[in-house]
Amino acid sequence: MNYILAILLPPLSILIAGRPFVAIVTFLIWIPALIFSGGLTHPMFIILAWFLIHQSGTAKIMREGR
């Protein structure tokens, strides 16, 4: 579900993944990037969000000791 949210609102999905500081910084960069590039930089933020979501899931598995 969070991966789908990352396509539409990458900063929100990063926040849900448990990275509030990164989410705020991403939001502050994401808005001007969308305005000035016309959306051409949006895939970069989607990839960042997917990477951070995957990283938080992997860290959760490692903490549980599987």
PDB file of N, CA and C in Angstrom:
ATOM      1  N   MET A   1       0.823  -1.200   0.000  1.00  0.00           N
ATOM      2  CA  MET A   1       0.000   0.000   0.000  1.00  0.00           C
ATOM      3  C   MET A   1       0.869   1.268   0.000  1.00  0.00           C
ATOM      4  N   ASN A   2       1.932   1.214   0.791  1.00  0.00           N
ATOM      5  CA  ASN A   2       2.804   2.383   0.888  1.00  0.00           C
ATOM      6  C   ASN A   2       3.546   2.630  -0.430  1.00  0.00           C
ATOM      7  N   TYR A   3       3.807   1.556  -1.186  1.00  0.00           N
ATOM      8  CA  TYR A   3       4.464   1.734  -2.481  1.00  0.00           C
ATOM      9  C   TYR A   3       3.558   2.476  -3.463  1.00  0.00           C
ATOM     10  N   ILE A   4       2.274   2.205  -3.401  1.00  0.00           N
ATOM     11  CA  ILE A   4       1.320   2.908  -4.270  1.00  0.00           C
ATOM     12  C   ILE A   4       1.233   4.381  -3.867  1.00  0.00           C
ATOM     13  N   LEU A   5       1.237   4.634  -2.568  1.00  0.00           N
ATOM     14  CA  LEU A   5       1.215   6.014  -2.082  1.00  0.00           C
ATOM     15  C   LEU A   5       2.480   6.759  -2.515  1.00  0.00           C
ATOM     16  N   ALA A   6       3.587   6.048  -2.606  1.00  0.00           N
ATOM     17  CA  ALA A   6       4.846   6.671  -3.026  1.00  0.00           C
ATOM     18  C   ALA A   6       4.768   7.211  -4.443  1.00  0.00           C
ATOM     19  N   ILE A   7       3.933   6.616  -5.270  1.00  0.00           N
ATOM     20  CA  ILE A   7       3.791   7.101  -6.648  1.00  0.00           C
ATOM     21  C   ILE A   7       3.110   8.463  -6.666  1.00  0.00           C
ATOM     22  N   LEU A   8       2.120   8.650  -5.791  1.00  0.00           N
ATOM     23  CA  LEU A   8       1.354   9.898  -5.786  1.00  0.00           C
ATOM     24  C   LEU A   8       1.963  10.971  -4.894  1.00  0.00           C
ATOM     25  N   LEU A   9       2.325  10.600  -3.677  1.00  0.00           N
ATOM     26  CA  LEU A   9       2.849  11.557  -2.691  1.00  0.00           C
ATOM     27  C   LEU A   9       4.082  10.979  -2.000  1.00  0.00           C
ATOM     28  N   PRO A  10       5.239  11.073  -2.632  1.00  0.00           N
ATOM     29  CA  PRO A  10       6.443  10.497  -2.041  1.00  0.00           C
ATOM     30  C   PRO A  10       6.774  10.997  -0.630  1.00  0.00           C
ATOM     31  N   PRO A  11       6.660  12.297  -0.328  1.00  0.00           N
ATOM     32  CA  PRO A  11       6.993  12.721   1.036  1.00  0.00           C
ATOM     33  C   PRO A  11       6.093  12.089   2.104  1.00  0.00           C
ATOM     34  N   LEU A  12       4.823  11.910   1.805  1.00  0.00           N
ATOM     35  CA  LEU A  12       3.916  11.298   2.772  1.00  0.00           C
ATOM     36  C   LEU A  12       4.266   9.832   3.000  1.00  0.00           C
ATOM     37  N   SER A  13       4.615   9.122   1.961  1.00  0.00           N
ATOM     38  CA  SER A  13       4.976   7.721   2.130  1.00  0.00           C
ATOM     39  C   SER A  13       6.291   7.576   2.897  1.00  0.00           C
ATOM     40  N   ILE A  14       7.209   8.514   2.718  1.00  0.00           N
ATOM     41  CA  ILE A  14       8.450   8.497   3.495  1.00  0.00           C
ATOM     42  C   ILE A  14       8.141   8.747   4.967  1.00  0.00           C
ATOM     43  N   LEU A  15       7.217   9.646   5.244  1.00  0.00           N
ATOM     44  CA  LEU A  15       6.804   9.910   6.620  1.00  0.00           C
ATOM     45  C   LEU A  15       6.184   8.673   7.253  1.00  0.00           C
ATOM     46  N   ILE A  16       5.335   7.986   6.513  1.00  0.00           N
ATOM     47  CA  ILE A  16       4.701   6.765   7.026  1.00  0.00           C
ATOM     48  C   ILE A  16       5.739   5.662   7.245  1.00  0.00           C
ATOM     49  N   ALA A  17       6.798   5.656   6.457  1.00  0.00           N
ATOM     50  CA  ALA A  17       7.854   4.654   6.616  1.00  0.00           C
ATOM     51  C   ALA A  17       8.703   4.910   7.858  1.00  0.00           C
ATOM     52  N   GLY A  18       8.476   6.032   8.535  1.00  0.00           N
ATOM     53  CA  GLY A  18       9.185   6.288   9.786  1.00  0.00           C
ATOM     54  C   GLY A  18      10.401   7.173   9.664  1.00  0.00           C
ATOM     55  N   ARG A  19      10.465   7.995   8.649  1.00  0.00           N
ATOM     56  CA  ARG A  19      11.597   8.912   8.457  1.00  0.00           C
ATOM     57  C   ARG A  19      11.085  10.348   8.387  1.00  0.00           C
ATOM     58  N   PRO A  20      10.692  10.945   9.538  1.00  0.00           N
ATOM     59  CA  PRO A  20      10.064  12.269   9.500  1.00  0.00           C
ATOM     60  C   PRO A  20      10.988  13.383   9.015  1.00  0.00           C
ATOM     61  N   PHE A  21      12.241  13.389   9.426  1.00  0.00           N
ATOM     62  CA  PHE A  21      13.151  14.452   8.997  1.00  0.00           C
ATOM     63  C   PHE A  21      13.383  14.394   7.490  1.00  0.00           C
ATOM     64  N   VAL A  22      13.608  13.203   6.970  1.00  0.00           N
ATOM     65  CA  VAL A  22      13.810  13.032   5.530  1.00  0.00           C
ATOM     66  C   VAL A  22      12.545  13.420   4.773  1.00  0.00           C
ATOM     67  N   ALA A  23      11.382  13.119   5.349  1.00  0.00           N
ATOM     68  CA  ALA A  23      10.110  13.472   4.703  1.00  0.00           C
ATOM     69  C   ALA A  23       9.946  14.984   4.597  1.00  0.00           C
ATOM     70  N   ILE A  24      10.312  15.707   5.639  1.00  0.00           N
ATOM     71  CA  ILE A  24      10.194  17.173   5.616  1.00  0.00           C
ATOM     72  C   ILE A  24      11.150  17.765   4.584  1.00  0.00           C
ATOM     73  N   VAL A  25      12.389  17.291   4.576  1.00  0.00           N
ATOM     74  CA  VAL A  25      13.374  17.792   3.607  1.00  0.00           C
ATOM     75  C   VAL A  25      12.933  17.457   2.183  1.00  0.00           C
ATOM     76  N   THR A  26      12.442  16.246   1.996  1.00  0.00           N
ATOM     77  CA  THR A  26      11.962  15.841   0.672  1.00  0.00           C
ATOM     78  C   THR A  26      10.790  16.704   0.222  1.00  0.00           C
ATOM     79  N   PHE A  27       9.879  16.997   1.140  1.00  0.00           N
ATOM     80  CA  PHE A  27       8.735  17.838   0.790  1.00  0.00           C
ATOM     81  C   PHE A  27       9.187  19.231   0.372  1.00  0.00           C
ATOM     82  N   LEU A  28      10.159  19.785   1.100  1.00  0.00           N
ATOM     83  CA  LEU A  28      10.642  21.134   0.788  1.00  0.00           C
ATOM     84  C   LEU A  28      11.369  21.193  -0.556  1.00  0.00           C
ATOM     85  N   ILE A  29      11.926  20.091  -0.986  1.00  0.00           N
ATOM     86  CA  ILE A  29      12.592  20.040  -2.291  1.00  0.00           C
ATOM     87  C   ILE A  29      11.613  19.626  -3.385  1.00  0.00           C
ATOM     88  N   TRP A  30      10.647  18.768  -3.032  1.00  0.00           N
ATOM     89  CA  TRP A  30       9.712  18.178  -4.003  1.00  0.00           C
ATOM     90  C   TRP A  30       8.788  19.226  -4.629  1.00  0.00           C
ATOM     91  N   ILE A  31       8.238  20.129  -3.811  1.00  0.00           N
ATOM     92  CA  ILE A  31       7.294  21.128  -4.321  1.00  0.00           C
ATOM     93  C   ILE A  31       7.945  22.041  -5.371  1.00  0.00           C
ATOM     94  N   PRO A  32       9.094  22.690  -5.069  1.00  0.00           N
ATOM     95  CA  PRO A  32       9.707  23.530  -6.119  1.00  0.00           C
ATOM     96  C   PRO A  32      10.153  22.717  -7.338  1.00  0.00           C
ATOM     97  N   ALA A  33      10.593  21.477  -7.110  1.00  0.00           N
ATOM     98  CA  ALA A  33      11.021  20.651  -8.238  1.00  0.00           C
ATOM     99  C   ALA A  33       9.845  20.356  -9.157  1.00  0.00           C
ATOM    100  N   LEU A  34       8.680  20.102  -8.604  1.00  0.00           N
ATOM    101  CA  LEU A  34       7.500  19.865  -9.434  1.00  0.00           C
ATOM    102  C   LEU A  34       7.102  21.111 -10.215  1.00  0.00           C
ATOM    103  N   ILE A  35       7.191  22.253  -9.561  1.00  0.00           N
ATOM    104  CA  ILE A  35       6.776  23.499 -10.195  1.00  0.00           C
ATOM    105  C   ILE A  35       7.741  23.891 -11.323  1.00  0.00           C
ATOM    106  N   PHE A  36       9.032  23.856 -11.037  1.00  0.00           N
ATOM    107  CA  PHE A  36      10.006  24.353 -12.006  1.00  0.00           C
ATOM    108  C   PHE A  36      10.340  23.360 -13.112  1.00  0.00           C
ATOM    109  N   SER A  37      10.225  22.061 -12.842  1.00  0.00           N
ATOM    110  CA  SER A  37      10.575  21.085 -13.877  1.00  0.00           C
ATOM    111  C   SER A  37       9.347  20.557 -14.608  1.00  0.00           C
ATOM    112  N   GLY A  38       8.175  20.902 -14.129  1.00  0.00           N
ATOM    113  CA  GLY A  38       6.961  20.410 -14.764  1.00  0.00           C
ATOM    114  C   GLY A  38       6.703  18.942 -14.516  1.00  0.00           C
ATOM    115  N   GLY A  39       7.253  18.396 -13.445  1.00  0.00           N
ATOM    116  CA  GLY A  39       7.027  17.000 -13.096  1.00  0.00           C
ATOM    117  C   GLY A  39       8.097  16.042 -13.581  1.00  0.00           C
ATOM    118  N   LEU A  40       9.127  16.548 -14.249  1.00  0.00           N
ATOM    119  CA  LEU A  40      10.170  15.665 -14.764  1.00  0.00           C
ATOM    120  C   LEU A  40      11.016  15.043 -13.654  1.00  0.00           C
ATOM    121  N   THR A  41      11.069  15.666 -12.479  1.00  0.00           N
ATOM    122  CA  THR A  41      11.870  15.126 -11.378  1.00  0.00           C
ATOM    123  C   THR A  41      11.070  14.209 -10.459  1.00  0.00           C
ATOM    124  N   HIS A  42       9.774  14.074 -10.714  1.00  0.00           N
ATOM    125  CA  HIS A  42       8.926  13.250  -9.853  1.00  0.00           C
ATOM    126  C   HIS A  42       9.392  11.790  -9.770  1.00  0.00           C
ATOM    127  N   PRO A  43       9.834  11.164 -10.849  1.00  0.00           N
ATOM    128  CA  PRO A  43      10.321   9.777 -10.728  1.00  0.00           C
ATOM    129  C   PRO A  43      11.501   9.624  -9.770  1.00  0.00           C
ATOM    130  N   MET A  44      12.331  10.638  -9.673  1.00  0.00           N
ATOM    131  CA  MET A  44      13.458  10.584  -8.750  1.00  0.00           C
ATOM    132  C   MET A  44      12.959  10.470  -7.307  1.00  0.00           C
ATOM    133  N   PHE A  45      11.909  11.193  -6.970  1.00  0.00           N
ATOM    134  CA  PHE A  45      11.363  11.147  -5.622  1.00  0.00           C
ATOM    135  C   PHE A  45      10.624   9.835  -5.364  1.00  0.00           C
ATOM    136  N   ILE A  46      10.022   9.269  -6.399  1.00  0.00           N
ATOM    137  CA  ILE A  46       9.368   7.967  -6.257  1.00  0.00           C
ATOM    138  C   ILE A  46      10.412   6.895  -5.939  1.00  0.00           C
ATOM    139  N   ILE A  47      11.530   6.925  -6.640  1.00  0.00           N
ATOM    140  CA  ILE A  47      12.594   5.951  -6.397  1.00  0.00           C
ATOM    141  C   ILE A  47      13.159   6.122  -4.986  1.00  0.00           C
ATOM    142  N   LEU A  48      13.350   7.362  -4.548  1.00  0.00           N
ATOM    143  CA  LEU A  48      13.819   7.612  -3.190  1.00  0.00           C
ATOM    144  C   LEU A  48      12.834   7.041  -2.167  1.00  0.00           C
ATOM    145  N   ALA A  49      11.557   7.275  -2.364  1.00  0.00           N
ATOM    146  CA  ALA A  49      10.546   6.776  -1.435  1.00  0.00           C
ATOM    147  C   ALA A  49      10.536   5.256  -1.415  1.00  0.00           C
ATOM    148  N   TRP A  50      10.602   4.618  -2.585  1.00  0.00           N
ATOM    149  CA  TRP A  50      10.609   3.150  -2.636  1.00  0.00           C
ATOM    150  C   TRP A  50      11.834   2.591  -1.929  1.00  0.00           C
ATOM    151  N   PHE A  51      12.979   3.228  -2.114  1.00  0.00           N
ATOM    152  CA  PHE A  51      14.198   2.776  -1.444  1.00  0.00           C
ATOM    153  C   PHE A  51      14.055   2.873   0.074  1.00  0.00           C
ATOM    154  N   LEU A  52      13.529   3.987   0.575  1.00  0.00           N
ATOM    155  CA  LEU A  52      13.388   4.163   2.013  1.00  0.00           C
ATOM    156  C   LEU A  52      12.323   3.244   2.600  1.00  0.00           C
ATOM    157  N   ILE A  53      11.258   2.978   1.860  1.00  0.00           N
ATOM    158  CA  ILE A  53      10.241   2.030   2.326  1.00  0.00           C
ATOM    159  C   ILE A  53      10.840   0.634   2.423  1.00  0.00           C
ATOM    160  N   HIS A  54      11.580   0.234   1.410  1.00  0.00           N
ATOM    161  CA  HIS A  54      12.223  -1.079   1.424  1.00  0.00           C
ATOM    162  C   HIS A  54      13.231  -1.186   2.560  1.00  0.00           C
ATOM    163  N   GLN A  55      13.986  -0.117   2.772  1.00  0.00           N
ATOM    164  CA  GLN A  55      14.984  -0.103   3.837  1.00  0.00           C
ATOM    165  C   GLN A  55      14.334  -0.224   5.211  1.00  0.00           C
ATOM    166  N   SER A  56      13.220   0.446   5.424  1.00  0.00           N
ATOM    167  CA  SER A  56      12.550   0.359   6.722  1.00  0.00           C
ATOM    168  C   SER A  56      11.972  -1.039   6.941  1.00  0.00           C
ATOM    169  N   GLY A  57      11.473  -1.676   5.877  1.00  0.00           N
ATOM    170  CA  GLY A  57      10.976  -3.044   5.992  1.00  0.00           C
ATOM    171  C   GLY A  57      12.089  -4.026   6.296  1.00  0.00           C
ATOM    172  N   THR A  58      13.241  -3.854   5.656  1.00  0.00           N
ATOM    173  CA  THR A  58      14.385  -4.715   5.904  1.00  0.00           C
ATOM    174  C   THR A  58      14.894  -4.534   7.326  1.00  0.00           C
ATOM    175  N   ALA A  59      14.932  -3.300   7.798  1.00  0.00           N
ATOM    176  CA  ALA A  59      15.385  -3.040   9.172  1.00  0.00           C
ATOM    177  C   ALA A  59      14.430  -3.682  10.190  1.00  0.00           C
ATOM    178  N   LYS A  60      13.141  -3.664   9.898  1.00  0.00           N
ATOM    179  CA  LYS A  60      12.162  -4.281  10.788  1.00  0.00           C
ATOM    180  C   LYS A  60      12.382  -5.799  10.859  1.00  0.00           C
ATOM    181  N   ILE A  61      12.650  -6.409   9.730  1.00  0.00           N
ATOM    182  CA  ILE A  61      12.911  -7.848   9.706  1.00  0.00           C
ATOM    183  C   ILE A  61      14.178  -8.174  10.489  1.00  0.00           C
ATOM    184  N   MET A  62      15.208  -7.364  10.335  1.00  0.00           N
ATOM    185  CA  MET A  62      16.465  -7.597  11.042  1.00  0.00           C
ATOM    186  C   MET A  62      16.297  -7.437  12.552  1.00  0.00           C
ATOM    187  N   ARG A  63      15.463  -6.489  12.969  1.00  0.00           N
ATOM    188  CA  ARG A  63      15.228  -6.309  14.402  1.00  0.00           C
ATOM    189  C   ARG A  63      14.486  -7.504  14.996  1.00  0.00           C
ATOM    190  N   GLU A  64      13.589  -8.101  14.213  1.00  0.00           N
ATOM    191  CA  GLU A  64      12.831  -9.250  14.700  1.00  0.00           C
ATOM    192  C   GLU A  64      13.679 -10.517  14.714  1.00  0.00           C
ATOM    193  N   GLY A  65      14.797 -10.511  14.030  1.00  0.00           N
ATOM    194  CA  GLY A  65      15.713 -11.628  14.064  1.00  0.00           C
ATOM    195  C   GLY A  65      15.363 -12.787  13.151  1.00  0.00           C
ATOM    196  N   ARG A  66      14.723 -12.518  12.054  1.00  0.00           N
ATOM    197  CA  ARG A  66      14.396 -13.598  11.119  1.00  0.00           C
ATOM    198  C   ARG A  66      15.567 -13.938  10.264  1.00  0.00           C
TER     199      ARG A  66
END
